[in-house]
């Protein structure tokens, strides 16, 4: 089985990808003693995903899977989108970003809280890109809820009223935008 590096230092993301792609031999950047930090400066999830996959694959001389994902709020034309992890600055925490979004939207009614999570996953090897996309729809919760997950999971509410952070990892992995993107990718590999 071919070894594939997953281009992330985010333990939560790596765990999620490994659970979803359990039939593949995946290693992390840490496993490869790789501390390369690719600048995510593209204007789309696909652009960032492709850039990370290519740079890391070429640096390590092995196939790479990279993703980029984010929260897209309809009311704000898809903001924060590709800037989800950085819109308050590189050093901001997920908790700070989540509190900021909750505060920004505190006066909005339920119909104005529509949002989606979009994910693009790219497999890169020897000059060839294979791309998968996934998206789930929901809304921004009125408060931070749940202890599971990471990033914006505690503020992204599903139709059943639970946030992604209130789901078990198995429940989340069954419906996540990342899973949908990975399934879309696998169908093309």
C-alpha atoms as a PDB file:
ATOM      1  CA  UNK A   1       0.000   0.000   0.000  1.00  0.00           C
ATOM      2  CA  UNK A   2       1.350   3.397  -1.019  1.00  0.00           C
ATOM      3  CA  UNK A   3       2.245   5.831   1.761  1.00  0.00           C
ATOM      4  CA  UNK A   4       0.515   9.227   1.464  1.00  0.00           C
ATOM      5  CA  UNK A   5       1.327  12.273   3.580  1.00  0.00           C
ATOM      6  CA  UNK A   6      -1.565  14.363   4.875  1.00  0.00           C
ATOM      7  CA  UNK A   7      -0.648  18.046   4.735  1.00  0.00           C
ATOM      8  CA  UNK A   8      -1.726  19.176   8.174  1.00  0.00           C
ATOM      9  CA  UNK A   9      -0.412  19.837  11.645  1.00  0.00           C
ATOM     10  CA  UNK A  10      -3.965  19.980  12.991  1.00  0.00           C
ATOM     11  CA  UNK A  11      -4.408  16.827  15.104  1.00  0.00           C
ATOM     12  CA  UNK A  12      -8.214  17.033  14.944  1.00  0.00           C
ATOM     13  CA  UNK A  13      -8.213  17.252  11.169  1.00  0.00           C
ATOM     14  CA  UNK A  14      -5.666  14.433  10.825  1.00  0.00           C
ATOM     15  CA  UNK A  15      -7.678  12.148  13.118  1.00  0.00           C
ATOM     16  CA  UNK A  16     -10.836  12.868  11.104  1.00  0.00           C
ATOM     17  CA  UNK A  17      -9.124  12.176   7.754  1.00  0.00           C
ATOM     18  CA  UNK A  18      -7.553   8.938   9.035  1.00  0.00           C
ATOM     19  CA  UNK A  19     -10.949   7.738  10.319  1.00  0.00           C
ATOM     20  CA  UNK A  20     -12.550   8.433   6.952  1.00  0.00           C
ATOM     21  CA  UNK A  21      -9.701   7.075   4.779  1.00  0.00           C
ATOM     22  CA  UNK A  22      -8.960   4.014   6.903  1.00  0.00           C
ATOM     23  CA  UNK A  23      -8.108   1.900   3.824  1.00  0.00           C
ATOM     24  CA  UNK A  24      -5.089   4.090   3.000  1.00  0.00           C
ATOM     25  CA  UNK A  25      -1.647   4.283   4.632  1.00  0.00           C
ATOM     26  CA  UNK A  26      -1.602   7.887   5.797  1.00  0.00           C
ATOM     27  CA  UNK A  27       1.217   9.647   7.606  1.00  0.00           C
ATOM     28  CA  UNK A  28       1.323  13.121   9.071  1.00  0.00           C
ATOM     29  CA  UNK A  29       3.791  15.926   8.530  1.00  0.00           C
ATOM     30  CA  UNK A  30       5.056  15.175  12.061  1.00  0.00           C
ATOM     31  CA  UNK A  31       5.596  11.505  11.126  1.00  0.00           C
ATOM     32  CA  UNK A  32       7.760  12.720   8.246  1.00  0.00           C
ATOM     33  CA  UNK A  33       9.622  15.245  10.447  1.00  0.00           C
ATOM     34  CA  UNK A  34       8.410  17.911   8.072  1.00  0.00           C
ATOM     35  CA  UNK A  35       7.827  21.404   9.382  1.00  0.00           C
ATOM     36  CA  UNK A  36       7.095  23.065   6.038  1.00  0.00           C
ATOM     37  CA  UNK A  37       4.406  25.729   6.408  1.00  0.00           C
ATOM     38  CA  UNK A  38       2.712  26.539   3.113  1.00  0.00           C
ATOM     39  CA  UNK A  39       1.330  30.070   2.862  1.00  0.00           C
ATOM     40  CA  UNK A  40      -2.415  29.842   2.187  1.00  0.00           C
ATOM     41  CA  UNK A  41      -2.701  32.920  -0.019  1.00  0.00           C
ATOM     42  CA  UNK A  42      -5.054  31.702  -2.730  1.00  0.00           C
ATOM     43  CA  UNK A  43      -8.555  33.099  -3.267  1.00  0.00           C
ATOM     44  CA  UNK A  44     -10.352  29.745  -3.187  1.00  0.00           C
ATOM     45  CA  UNK A  45     -10.419  26.563  -1.124  1.00  0.00           C
ATOM     46  CA  UNK A  46      -9.298  24.657  -4.226  1.00  0.00           C
ATOM     47  CA  UNK A  47      -6.393  27.029  -4.825  1.00  0.00           C
ATOM     48  CA  UNK A  48      -5.100  26.649  -1.258  1.00  0.00           C
ATOM     49  CA  UNK A  49      -5.647  22.889  -1.311  1.00  0.00           C
ATOM     50  CA  UNK A  50      -3.746  22.453  -4.586  1.00  0.00           C
ATOM     51  CA  UNK A  51      -0.904  24.710  -3.484  1.00  0.00           C
ATOM     52  CA  UNK A  52      -0.395  22.829  -0.209  1.00  0.00           C
ATOM     53  CA  UNK A  53      -0.584  19.391  -1.844  1.00  0.00           C
ATOM     54  CA  UNK A  54       1.906  20.275  -4.589  1.00  0.00           C
ATOM     55  CA  UNK A  55       4.467  22.039  -2.393  1.00  0.00           C
ATOM     56  CA  UNK A  56       4.511  19.322   0.259  1.00  0.00           C
ATOM     57  CA  UNK A  57       4.491  16.462  -2.265  1.00  0.00           C
ATOM     58  CA  UNK A  58       7.438  17.950  -4.112  1.00  0.00           C
ATOM     59  CA  UNK A  59       9.311  18.755  -0.891  1.00  0.00           C
ATOM     60  CA  UNK A  60       8.898  15.199   0.491  1.00  0.00           C
ATOM     61  CA  UNK A  61       8.946  13.469  -2.908  1.00  0.00           C
ATOM     62  CA  UNK A  62       5.807  11.457  -2.105  1.00  0.00           C
ATOM     63  CA  UNK A  63       2.048  11.682  -2.769  1.00  0.00           C
ATOM     64  CA  UNK A  64       0.179  14.193  -0.669  1.00  0.00           C
ATOM     65  CA  UNK A  65      -3.404  14.887   0.358  1.00  0.00           C
ATOM     66  CA  UNK A  66      -4.164  18.458   1.386  1.00  0.00           C
ATOM     67  CA  UNK A  67      -7.405  20.200   2.139  1.00  0.00           C
ATOM     68  CA  UNK A  68      -8.759  23.620   2.738  1.00  0.00           C
ATOM     69  CA  UNK A  69     -12.114  24.266   4.269  1.00  0.00           C
ATOM     70  CA  UNK A  70     -14.055  27.002   5.887  1.00  0.00           C
ATOM     71  CA  UNK A  71     -17.231  28.503   7.121  1.00  0.00           C
ATOM     72  CA  UNK A  72     -19.256  30.495   4.599  1.00  0.00           C
ATOM     73  CA  UNK A  73     -22.017  32.741   5.960  1.00  0.00           C
ATOM     74  CA  UNK A  74     -24.675  33.653   3.397  1.00  0.00           C
ATOM     75  CA  UNK A  75     -25.576  37.028   4.939  1.00  0.00           C
ATOM     76  CA  UNK A  76     -21.955  38.143   4.475  1.00  0.00           C
ATOM     77  CA  UNK A  77     -21.474  36.830   0.913  1.00  0.00           C
ATOM     78  CA  UNK A  78     -19.577  33.738   2.048  1.00  0.00           C
ATOM     79  CA  UNK A  79     -17.376  35.441   4.652  1.00  0.00           C
ATOM     80  CA  UNK A  80     -15.089  34.345   6.299  1.00  0.00           C
ATOM     81  CA  UNK A  81     -14.619  31.659   3.606  1.00  0.00           C
ATOM     82  CA  UNK A  82     -10.959  30.990   2.761  1.00  0.00           C
ATOM     83  CA  UNK A  83     -10.004  33.304   5.626  1.00  0.00           C
ATOM     84  CA  UNK A  84     -11.879  31.268   8.285  1.00  0.00           C
ATOM     85  CA  UNK A  85      -8.737  30.378  10.252  1.00  0.00           C
ATOM     86  CA  UNK A  86      -7.107  33.793   9.880  1.00  0.00           C
ATOM     87  CA  UNK A  87      -9.723  36.558   9.712  1.00  0.00           C
ATOM     88  CA  UNK A  88      -8.752  37.815  13.198  1.00  0.00           C
ATOM     89  CA  UNK A  89      -5.028  37.376  12.497  1.00  0.00           C
ATOM     90  CA  UNK A  90      -2.629  34.449  12.372  1.00  0.00           C
ATOM     91  CA  UNK A  91      -2.383  34.147  16.167  1.00  0.00           C
ATOM     92  CA  UNK A  92      -6.123  34.137  16.919  1.00  0.00           C
ATOM     93  CA  UNK A  93      -7.667  31.042  18.467  1.00  0.00           C
ATOM     94  CA  UNK A  94     -10.743  29.174  17.249  1.00  0.00           C
ATOM     95  CA  UNK A  95     -12.518  30.260  20.427  1.00  0.00           C
ATOM     96  CA  UNK A  96     -11.774  33.929  19.716  1.00  0.00           C
ATOM     97  CA  UNK A  97     -12.994  33.616  16.132  1.00  0.00           C
ATOM     98  CA  UNK A  98     -16.166  31.794  17.215  1.00  0.00           C
ATOM     99  CA  UNK A  99     -16.953  34.436  19.856  1.00  0.00           C
ATOM    100  CA  UNK A 100     -16.407  37.172  17.285  1.00  0.00           C
ATOM    101  CA  UNK A 101     -18.860  35.559  14.821  1.00  0.00           C
ATOM    102  CA  UNK A 102     -21.492  34.972  17.539  1.00  0.00           C
ATOM    103  CA  UNK A 103     -21.193  38.621  18.637  1.00  0.00           C
ATOM    104  CA  UNK A 104     -21.295  39.919  15.038  1.00  0.00           C
ATOM    105  CA  UNK A 105     -24.508  37.964  14.393  1.00  0.00           C
ATOM    106  CA  UNK A 106     -26.219  38.414  17.780  1.00  0.00           C
ATOM    107  CA  UNK A 107     -29.077  40.547  16.402  1.00  0.00           C
ATOM    108  CA  UNK A 108     -29.824  38.387  13.355  1.00  0.00           C
ATOM    109  CA  UNK A 109     -32.904  36.176  13.216  1.00  0.00           C
ATOM    110  CA  UNK A 110     -32.855  32.484  12.288  1.00  0.00           C
ATOM    111  CA  UNK A 111     -33.426  33.060   8.574  1.00  0.00           C
ATOM    112  CA  UNK A 112     -30.404  35.390   8.425  1.00  0.00           C
ATOM    113  CA  UNK A 113     -28.059  32.834  10.033  1.00  0.00           C
ATOM    114  CA  UNK A 114     -27.729  30.451   7.042  1.00  0.00           C
ATOM    115  CA  UNK A 115     -24.243  29.138   6.496  1.00  0.00           C
ATOM    116  CA  UNK A 116     -22.362  26.281   4.917  1.00  0.00           C
ATOM    117  CA  UNK A 117     -19.121  24.463   5.500  1.00  0.00           C
ATOM    118  CA  UNK A 118     -17.169  23.912   2.304  1.00  0.00           C
ATOM    119  CA  UNK A 119     -14.181  21.648   1.889  1.00  0.00           C
ATOM    120  CA  UNK A 120     -11.834  20.952  -1.000  1.00  0.00           C
ATOM    121  CA  UNK A 121      -9.405  18.017  -0.817  1.00  0.00           C
ATOM    122  CA  UNK A 122      -6.579  17.593  -3.318  1.00  0.00           C
ATOM    123  CA  UNK A 123      -4.435  14.544  -4.009  1.00  0.00           C
ATOM    124  CA  UNK A 124      -1.187  15.448  -5.763  1.00  0.00           C
ATOM    125  CA  UNK A 125       1.458  13.145  -7.209  1.00  0.00           C
ATOM    126  CA  UNK A 126       4.001  13.682 -10.001  1.00  0.00           C
ATOM    127  CA  UNK A 127       2.341  16.736 -11.521  1.00  0.00           C
ATOM    128  CA  UNK A 128      -1.198  15.359 -11.379  1.00  0.00           C
ATOM    129  CA  UNK A 129      -4.018  16.830  -9.303  1.00  0.00           C
ATOM    130  CA  UNK A 130      -7.187  15.000  -8.289  1.00  0.00           C
ATOM    131  CA  UNK A 131      -9.716  17.220  -6.504  1.00  0.00           C
ATOM    132  CA  UNK A 132     -12.763  16.406  -4.386  1.00  0.00           C
ATOM    133  CA  UNK A 133     -15.330  18.860  -3.013  1.00  0.00           C
ATOM    134  CA  UNK A 134     -17.923  18.662  -0.255  1.00  0.00           C
ATOM    135  CA  UNK A 135     -20.408  21.005   1.392  1.00  0.00           C
ATOM    136  CA  UNK A 136     -22.918  20.840   4.214  1.00  0.00           C
ATOM    137  CA  UNK A 137     -25.545  23.454   4.967  1.00  0.00           C
ATOM    138  CA  UNK A 138     -26.741  24.715   8.308  1.00  0.00           C
ATOM    139  CA  UNK A 139     -26.702  27.954  10.273  1.00  0.00           C
ATOM    140  CA  UNK A 140     -24.701  29.846  12.833  1.00  0.00           C
ATOM    141  CA  UNK A 141     -25.821  28.971  16.352  1.00  0.00           C
ATOM    142  CA  UNK A 142     -26.743  31.701  18.825  1.00  0.00           C
ATOM    143  CA  UNK A 143     -24.198  30.404  21.329  1.00  0.00           C
ATOM    144  CA  UNK A 144     -21.101  28.230  21.457  1.00  0.00           C
ATOM    145  CA  UNK A 145     -22.120  24.633  22.236  1.00  0.00           C
ATOM    146  CA  UNK A 146     -20.427  21.258  22.411  1.00  0.00           C
ATOM    147  CA  UNK A 147     -17.075  19.854  23.421  1.00  0.00           C
ATOM    148  CA  UNK A 148     -16.231  17.645  20.423  1.00  0.00           C
ATOM    149  CA  UNK A 149     -14.640  18.696  17.187  1.00  0.00           C
ATOM    150  CA  UNK A 150     -12.454  21.721  16.561  1.00  0.00           C
ATOM    151  CA  UNK A 151     -12.434  25.047  14.743  1.00  0.00           C
ATOM    152  CA  UNK A 152     -15.928  26.424  14.143  1.00  0.00           C
ATOM    153  CA  UNK A 153     -17.694  23.136  15.047  1.00  0.00           C
ATOM    154  CA  UNK A 154     -19.171  24.662  18.252  1.00  0.00           C
ATOM    155  CA  UNK A 155     -21.039  27.380  16.300  1.00  0.00           C
ATOM    156  CA  UNK A 156     -22.160  25.497  13.183  1.00  0.00           C
ATOM    157  CA  UNK A 157     -25.682  24.201  13.800  1.00  0.00           C
ATOM    158  CA  UNK A 158     -27.350  21.459  11.781  1.00  0.00           C
ATOM    159  CA  UNK A 159     -31.055  21.155  10.918  1.00  0.00           C
ATOM    160  CA  UNK A 160     -31.569  18.896  13.959  1.00  0.00           C
ATOM    161  CA  UNK A 161     -30.501  21.767  16.264  1.00  0.00           C
ATOM    162  CA  UNK A 162     -27.146  20.283  17.307  1.00  0.00           C
ATOM    163  CA  UNK A 163     -23.813  21.907  16.549  1.00  0.00           C
ATOM    164  CA  UNK A 164     -21.054  19.867  14.918  1.00  0.00           C
ATOM    165  CA  UNK A 165     -19.297  19.942  18.307  1.00  0.00           C
ATOM    166  CA  UNK A 166     -22.313  18.219  19.909  1.00  0.00           C
ATOM    167  CA  UNK A 167     -21.964  15.202  17.618  1.00  0.00           C
ATOM    168  CA  UNK A 168     -19.796  12.186  18.334  1.00  0.00           C
ATOM    169  CA  UNK A 169     -16.780  11.932  16.049  1.00  0.00           C
ATOM    170  CA  UNK A 170     -18.508   9.032  14.251  1.00  0.00           C
ATOM    171  CA  UNK A 171     -21.664  11.102  13.691  1.00  0.00           C
ATOM    172  CA  UNK A 172     -19.652  14.068  12.441  1.00  0.00           C
ATOM    173  CA  UNK A 173     -17.481  11.935  10.161  1.00  0.00           C
ATOM    174  CA  UNK A 174     -20.625  10.524   8.553  1.00  0.00           C
ATOM    175  CA  UNK A 175     -21.910  13.934   7.450  1.00  0.00           C
ATOM    176  CA  UNK A 176     -18.970  16.350   7.380  1.00  0.00           C
ATOM    177  CA  UNK A 177     -18.000  18.430   4.363  1.00  0.00           C
ATOM    178  CA  UNK A 178     -14.539  16.850   4.671  1.00  0.00           C
ATOM    179  CA  UNK A 179     -16.051  13.348   4.406  1.00  0.00           C
ATOM    180  CA  UNK A 180     -18.087  14.386   1.364  1.00  0.00           C
ATOM    181  CA  UNK A 181     -14.971  15.903  -0.229  1.00  0.00           C
ATOM    182  CA  UNK A 182     -12.906  12.797   0.570  1.00  0.00           C
ATOM    183  CA  UNK A 183     -15.618  10.519  -0.863  1.00  0.00           C
ATOM    184  CA  UNK A 184     -15.710  12.689  -3.969  1.00  0.00           C
ATOM    185  CA  UNK A 185     -11.904  12.428  -4.176  1.00  0.00           C
ATOM    186  CA  UNK A 186     -11.857   8.640  -3.629  1.00  0.00           C
ATOM    187  CA  UNK A 187     -14.357   8.159  -6.444  1.00  0.00           C
ATOM    188  CA  UNK A 188     -11.777   9.766  -8.779  1.00  0.00           C
ATOM    189  CA  UNK A 189      -8.618   8.064  -7.477  1.00  0.00           C
END
